[in-house]
Amino acid sequence: MAENNNHGGKRPGAGRKKGYRKPESEKVKTIMFARRVTNEEYQYLENALKEFRLQKTVL
């Protein structure tokens, strides 16, 4: 009787096929960077990152 029960559970053949890989995204990969810094260091890093990004867009 339990064999005929199709309520819930994993469906046969569901999910990714064996050996499947997601295609690589064309987006620029980013990394989250976390660190404890003083307020002065934070302001310096914030300004330096803005300058770096501005230089990248100009090139």
PDB file of N, CA and C in Angstrom:
ATOM      1  N   MET A   1       0.822  -1.186   0.000  1.00  0.00           N
ATOM      2  CA  MET A   1       0.000   0.000   0.000  1.00  0.00           C
ATOM      3  C   MET A   1       0.867   1.251   0.000  1.00  0.00           C
ATOM      4  N   ALA A   2       1.967   1.251   0.763  1.00  0.00           N
ATOM      5  CA  ALA A   2       2.828   2.418   0.839  1.00  0.00           C
ATOM      6  C   ALA A   2       3.523   2.686  -0.496  1.00  0.00           C
ATOM      7  N   GLU A   3       3.686   1.655  -1.323  1.00  0.00           N
ATOM      8  CA  GLU A   3       4.352   1.830  -2.609  1.00  0.00           C
ATOM      9  C   GLU A   3       3.533   2.687  -3.565  1.00  0.00           C
ATOM     10  N   ASN A   4       2.211   2.672  -3.426  1.00  0.00           N
ATOM     11  CA  ASN A   4       1.341   3.431  -4.309  1.00  0.00           C
ATOM     12  C   ASN A   4       1.151   4.868  -3.836  1.00  0.00           C
ATOM     13  N   ASN A   5       1.685   5.217  -2.710  1.00  0.00           N
ATOM     14  CA  ASN A   5       1.511   6.553  -2.145  1.00  0.00           C
ATOM     15  C   ASN A   5       2.442   7.525  -2.861  1.00  0.00           C
ATOM     16  N   ASN A   6       1.886   8.546  -3.497  1.00  0.00           N
ATOM     17  CA  ASN A   6       2.717   9.527  -4.190  1.00  0.00           C
ATOM     18  C   ASN A   6       2.617  10.903  -3.541  1.00  0.00           C
ATOM     19  N   HIS A   7       2.402  10.937  -2.257  1.00  0.00           N
ATOM     20  CA  HIS A   7       2.299  12.203  -1.528  1.00  0.00           C
ATOM     21  C   HIS A   7       3.656  12.551  -0.936  1.00  0.00           C
ATOM     22  N   GLY A   8       4.231  13.661  -1.426  1.00  0.00           N
ATOM     23  CA  GLY A   8       5.493  14.147  -0.858  1.00  0.00           C
ATOM     24  C   GLY A   8       6.674  13.288  -1.251  1.00  0.00           C
ATOM     25  N   GLY A   9       7.805  13.627  -0.696  1.00  0.00           N
ATOM     26  CA  GLY A   9       9.017  12.867  -0.963  1.00  0.00           C
ATOM     27  C   GLY A   9       9.715  13.321  -2.236  1.00  0.00           C
ATOM     28  N   LYS A  10      10.857  12.731  -2.495  1.00  0.00           N
ATOM     29  CA  LYS A  10      11.675  13.083  -3.651  1.00  0.00           C
ATOM     30  C   LYS A  10      11.084  12.473  -4.921  1.00  0.00           C
ATOM     31  N   ARG A  11      11.024  13.269  -5.989  1.00  0.00           N
ATOM     32  CA  ARG A  11      10.531  12.749  -7.263  1.00  0.00           C
ATOM     33  C   ARG A  11      11.669  12.067  -7.992  1.00  0.00           C
ATOM     34  N   PRO A  12      11.408  10.931  -8.589  1.00  0.00           N
ATOM     35  CA  PRO A  12      12.470  10.264  -9.359  1.00  0.00           C
ATOM     36  C   PRO A  12      12.899  11.123 -10.543  1.00  0.00           C
ATOM     37  N   GLY A  13      14.202  11.268 -10.745  1.00  0.00           N
ATOM     38  CA  GLY A  13      14.718  12.051 -11.863  1.00  0.00           C
ATOM     39  C   GLY A  13      14.764  13.551 -11.612  1.00  0.00           C
ATOM     40  N   ALA A  14      14.406  13.989 -10.414  1.00  0.00           N
ATOM     41  CA  ALA A  14      14.412  15.431 -10.124  1.00  0.00           C
ATOM     42  C   ALA A  14      15.834  15.906  -9.831  1.00  0.00           C
ATOM     43  N   GLY A  15      16.060  17.178 -10.039  1.00  0.00           N
ATOM     44  CA  GLY A  15      17.353  17.780  -9.710  1.00  0.00           C
ATOM     45  C   GLY A  15      18.299  17.802 -10.885  1.00  0.00           C
ATOM     46  N   ARG A  16      19.522  18.247 -10.643  1.00  0.00           N
ATOM     47  CA  ARG A  16      20.523  18.322 -11.706  1.00  0.00           C
ATOM     48  C   ARG A  16      20.994  16.930 -12.087  1.00  0.00           C
ATOM     49  N   LYS A  17      21.329  16.789 -13.335  1.00  0.00           N
ATOM     50  CA  LYS A  17      21.848  15.511 -13.815  1.00  0.00           C
ATOM     51  C   LYS A  17      23.302  15.355 -13.376  1.00  0.00           C
ATOM     52  N   LYS A  18      23.749  14.137 -13.261  1.00  0.00           N
ATOM     53  CA  LYS A  18      25.103  13.856 -12.805  1.00  0.00           C
ATOM     54  C   LYS A  18      26.122  14.474 -13.755  1.00  0.00           C
ATOM     55  N   GLY A  19      27.111  15.163 -13.214  1.00  0.00           N
ATOM     56  CA  GLY A  19      28.160  15.774 -14.016  1.00  0.00           C
ATOM     57  C   GLY A  19      27.807  17.149 -14.552  1.00  0.00           C
ATOM     58  N   TYR A  20      26.660  17.679 -14.194  1.00  0.00           N
ATOM     59  CA  TYR A  20      26.249  18.997 -14.683  1.00  0.00           C
ATOM     60  C   TYR A  20      26.972  20.084 -13.920  1.00  0.00           C
ATOM     61  N   ARG A  21      27.459  21.101 -14.643  1.00  0.00           N
ATOM     62  CA  ARG A  21      28.072  22.272 -14.006  1.00  0.00           C
ATOM     63  C   ARG A  21      27.334  23.505 -14.472  1.00  0.00           C
ATOM     64  N   LYS A  22      27.097  24.408 -13.551  1.00  0.00           N
ATOM     65  CA  LYS A  22      26.467  25.669 -13.911  1.00  0.00           C
ATOM     66  C   LYS A  22      27.407  26.441 -14.829  1.00  0.00           C
ATOM     67  N   PRO A  23      26.877  27.118 -15.825  1.00  0.00           N
ATOM     68  CA  PRO A  23      27.758  27.938 -16.668  1.00  0.00           C
ATOM     69  C   PRO A  23      28.324  29.098 -15.858  1.00  0.00           C
ATOM     70  N   GLU A  24      29.547  29.487 -16.174  1.00  0.00           N
ATOM     71  CA  GLU A  24      30.193  30.591 -15.467  1.00  0.00           C
ATOM     72  C   GLU A  24      29.459  31.894 -15.757  1.00  0.00           C
ATOM     73  N   SER A  25      29.276  32.677 -14.738  1.00  0.00           N
ATOM     74  CA  SER A  25      28.611  33.963 -14.884  1.00  0.00           C
ATOM     75  C   SER A  25      29.548  34.958 -15.560  1.00  0.00           C
ATOM     76  N   GLU A  26      28.983  35.862 -16.355  1.00  0.00           N
ATOM     77  CA  GLU A  26      29.798  36.878 -17.011  1.00  0.00           C
ATOM     78  C   GLU A  26      29.981  38.109 -16.136  1.00  0.00           C
ATOM     79  N   LYS A  27      29.360  38.128 -14.962  1.00  0.00           N
ATOM     80  CA  LYS A  27      29.493  39.251 -14.049  1.00  0.00           C
ATOM     81  C   LYS A  27      30.890  39.270 -13.429  1.00  0.00           C
ATOM     82  N   VAL A  28      31.318  40.443 -13.012  1.00  0.00           N
ATOM     83  CA  VAL A  28      32.586  40.563 -12.306  1.00  0.00           C
ATOM     84  C   VAL A  28      32.383  39.987 -10.907  1.00  0.00           C
ATOM     85  N   LYS A  29      33.263  39.067 -10.523  1.00  0.00           N
ATOM     86  CA  LYS A  29      33.131  38.463  -9.205  1.00  0.00           C
ATOM     87  C   LYS A  29      33.606  39.448  -8.144  1.00  0.00           C
ATOM     88  N   THR A  30      32.867  39.518  -7.056  1.00  0.00           N
ATOM     89  CA  THR A  30      33.219  40.405  -5.961  1.00  0.00           C
ATOM     90  C   THR A  30      33.494  39.586  -4.709  1.00  0.00           C
ATOM     91  N   ILE A  31      34.214  40.197  -3.798  1.00  0.00           N
ATOM     92  CA  ILE A  31      34.561  39.557  -2.528  1.00  0.00           C
ATOM     93  C   ILE A  31      34.143  40.495  -1.410  1.00  0.00           C
ATOM     94  N   MET A  32      33.513  39.949  -0.388  1.00  0.00           N
ATOM     95  CA  MET A  32      33.155  40.753   0.777  1.00  0.00           C
ATOM     96  C   MET A  32      34.382  40.828   1.680  1.00  0.00           C
ATOM     97  N   PHE A  33      34.756  42.031   2.065  1.00  0.00           N
ATOM     98  CA  PHE A  33      35.946  42.249   2.880  1.00  0.00           C
ATOM     99  C   PHE A  33      35.517  42.901   4.179  1.00  0.00           C
ATOM    100  N   ALA A  34      35.784  42.266   5.302  1.00  0.00           N
ATOM    101  CA  ALA A  34      35.390  42.814   6.601  1.00  0.00           C
ATOM    102  C   ALA A  34      36.615  42.872   7.510  1.00  0.00           C
ATOM    103  N   ARG A  35      36.774  43.992   8.178  1.00  0.00           N
ATOM    104  CA  ARG A  35      37.919  44.176   9.067  1.00  0.00           C
ATOM    105  C   ARG A  35      37.586  45.253  10.082  1.00  0.00           C
ATOM    106  N   ARG A  36      38.075  45.129  11.284  1.00  0.00           N
ATOM    107  CA  ARG A  36      37.896  46.183  12.281  1.00  0.00           C
ATOM    108  C   ARG A  36      38.925  47.271  12.051  1.00  0.00           C
ATOM    109  N   VAL A  37      38.451  48.509  11.908  1.00  0.00           N
ATOM    110  CA  VAL A  37      39.344  49.642  11.687  1.00  0.00           C
ATOM    111  C   VAL A  37      38.857  50.817  12.517  1.00  0.00           C
ATOM    112  N   THR A  38      39.767  51.763  12.742  1.00  0.00           N
ATOM    113  CA  THR A  38      39.372  52.982  13.446  1.00  0.00           C
ATOM    114  C   THR A  38      38.583  53.862  12.481  1.00  0.00           C
ATOM    115  N   ASN A  39      37.964  54.890  12.990  1.00  0.00           N
ATOM    116  CA  ASN A  39      37.187  55.791  12.153  1.00  0.00           C
ATOM    117  C   ASN A  39      38.082  56.482  11.120  1.00  0.00           C
ATOM    118  N   GLU A  40      39.303  56.866  11.528  1.00  0.00           N
ATOM    119  CA  GLU A  40      40.245  57.488  10.596  1.00  0.00           C
ATOM    120  C   GLU A  40      40.622  56.526   9.478  1.00  0.00           C
ATOM    121  N   GLU A  41      40.920  55.284   9.851  1.00  0.00           N
ATOM    122  CA  GLU A  41      41.269  54.276   8.849  1.00  0.00           C
ATOM    123  C   GLU A  41      40.099  54.031   7.905  1.00  0.00           C
ATOM    124  N   TYR A  42      38.890  54.009   8.438  1.00  0.00           N
ATOM    125  CA  TYR A  42      37.702  53.790   7.620  1.00  0.00           C
ATOM    126  C   TYR A  42      37.555  54.891   6.569  1.00  0.00           C
ATOM    127  N   GLN A  43      37.716  56.134   7.001  1.00  0.00           N
ATOM    128  CA  GLN A  43      37.600  57.254   6.063  1.00  0.00           C
ATOM    129  C   GLN A  43      38.676  57.175   4.979  1.00  0.00           C
ATOM    130  N   TYR A  44      39.899  56.849   5.391  1.00  0.00           N
ATOM    131  CA  TYR A  44      40.990  56.729   4.420  1.00  0.00           C
ATOM    132  C   TYR A  44      40.700  55.628   3.402  1.00  0.00           C
ATOM    133  N   LEU A  45      40.292  54.458   3.892  1.00  0.00           N
ATOM    134  CA  LEU A  45      40.011  53.329   2.996  1.00  0.00           C
ATOM    135  C   LEU A  45      38.842  53.632   2.069  1.00  0.00           C
ATOM    136  N   GLU A  46      37.827  54.283   2.594  1.00  0.00           N
ATOM    137  CA  GLU A  46      36.662  54.649   1.781  1.00  0.00           C
ATOM    138  C   GLU A  46      37.079  55.577   0.636  1.00  0.00           C
ATOM    139  N   ASN A  47      37.874  56.591   0.952  1.00  0.00           N
ATOM    140  CA  ASN A  47      38.343  57.531  -0.072  1.00  0.00           C
ATOM    141  C   ASN A  47      39.286  56.855  -1.065  1.00  0.00           C
ATOM    142  N   ALA A  48      40.176  55.996  -0.576  1.00  0.00           N
ATOM    143  CA  ALA A  48      41.113  55.300  -1.452  1.00  0.00           C
ATOM    144  C   ALA A  48      40.365  54.382  -2.413  1.00  0.00           C
ATOM    145  N   LEU A  49      39.326  53.707  -1.942  1.00  0.00           N
ATOM    146  CA  LEU A  49      38.550  52.825  -2.802  1.00  0.00           C
ATOM    147  C   LEU A  49      37.785  53.610  -3.865  1.00  0.00           C
ATOM    148  N   LYS A  50      37.248  54.747  -3.478  1.00  0.00           N
ATOM    149  CA  LYS A  50      36.562  55.601  -4.453  1.00  0.00           C
ATOM    150  C   LYS A  50      37.526  56.056  -5.542  1.00  0.00           C
ATOM    151  N   GLU A  51      38.732  56.489  -5.137  1.00  0.00           N
ATOM    152  CA  GLU A  51      39.738  56.919  -6.104  1.00  0.00           C
ATOM    153  C   GLU A  51      40.140  55.774  -7.030  1.00  0.00           C
ATOM    154  N   PHE A  52      40.330  54.600  -6.463  1.00  0.00           N
ATOM    155  CA  PHE A  52      40.721  53.430  -7.254  1.00  0.00           C
ATOM    156  C   PHE A  52      39.650  53.106  -8.293  1.00  0.00           C
ATOM    157  N   ARG A  53      38.404  53.136  -7.889  1.00  0.00           N
ATOM    158  CA  ARG A  53      37.313  52.824  -8.806  1.00  0.00           C
ATOM    159  C   ARG A  53      37.180  53.902  -9.892  1.00  0.00           C
ATOM    160  N   LEU A  54      37.421  55.148  -9.535  1.00  0.00           N
ATOM    161  CA  LEU A  54      37.364  56.223 -10.531  1.00  0.00           C
ATOM    162  C   LEU A  54      38.472  56.036 -11.566  1.00  0.00           C
ATOM    163  N   GLN A  55      39.665  55.649 -11.126  1.00  0.00           N
ATOM    164  CA  GLN A  55      40.779  55.438 -12.031  1.00  0.00           C
ATOM    165  C   GLN A  55      40.490  54.275 -12.975  1.00  0.00           C
ATOM    166  N   LYS A  56      39.830  53.227 -12.472  1.00  0.00           N
ATOM    167  CA  LYS A  56      39.504  52.077 -13.317  1.00  0.00           C
ATOM    168  C   LYS A  56      38.518  52.461 -14.422  1.00  0.00           C
ATOM    169  N   THR A  57      37.564  53.343 -14.115  1.00  0.00           N
ATOM    170  CA  THR A  57      36.573  53.721 -15.116  1.00  0.00           C
ATOM    171  C   THR A  57      37.162  54.640 -16.179  1.00  0.00           C
ATOM    172  N   VAL A  58      38.186  55.405 -15.811  1.00  0.00           N
ATOM    173  CA  VAL A  58      38.806  56.318 -16.766  1.00  0.00           C
ATOM    174  C   VAL A  58      39.624  55.540 -17.775  1.00  0.00           C
ATOM    175  N   LEU A  59      40.262  54.464 -17.342  1.00  0.00           N
ATOM    176  CA  LEU A  59      41.123  53.661 -18.240  1.00  0.00           C
ATOM    177  C   LEU A  59      40.288  53.010 -19.239  1.00  0.00           C
TER     178      LEU A  59
END
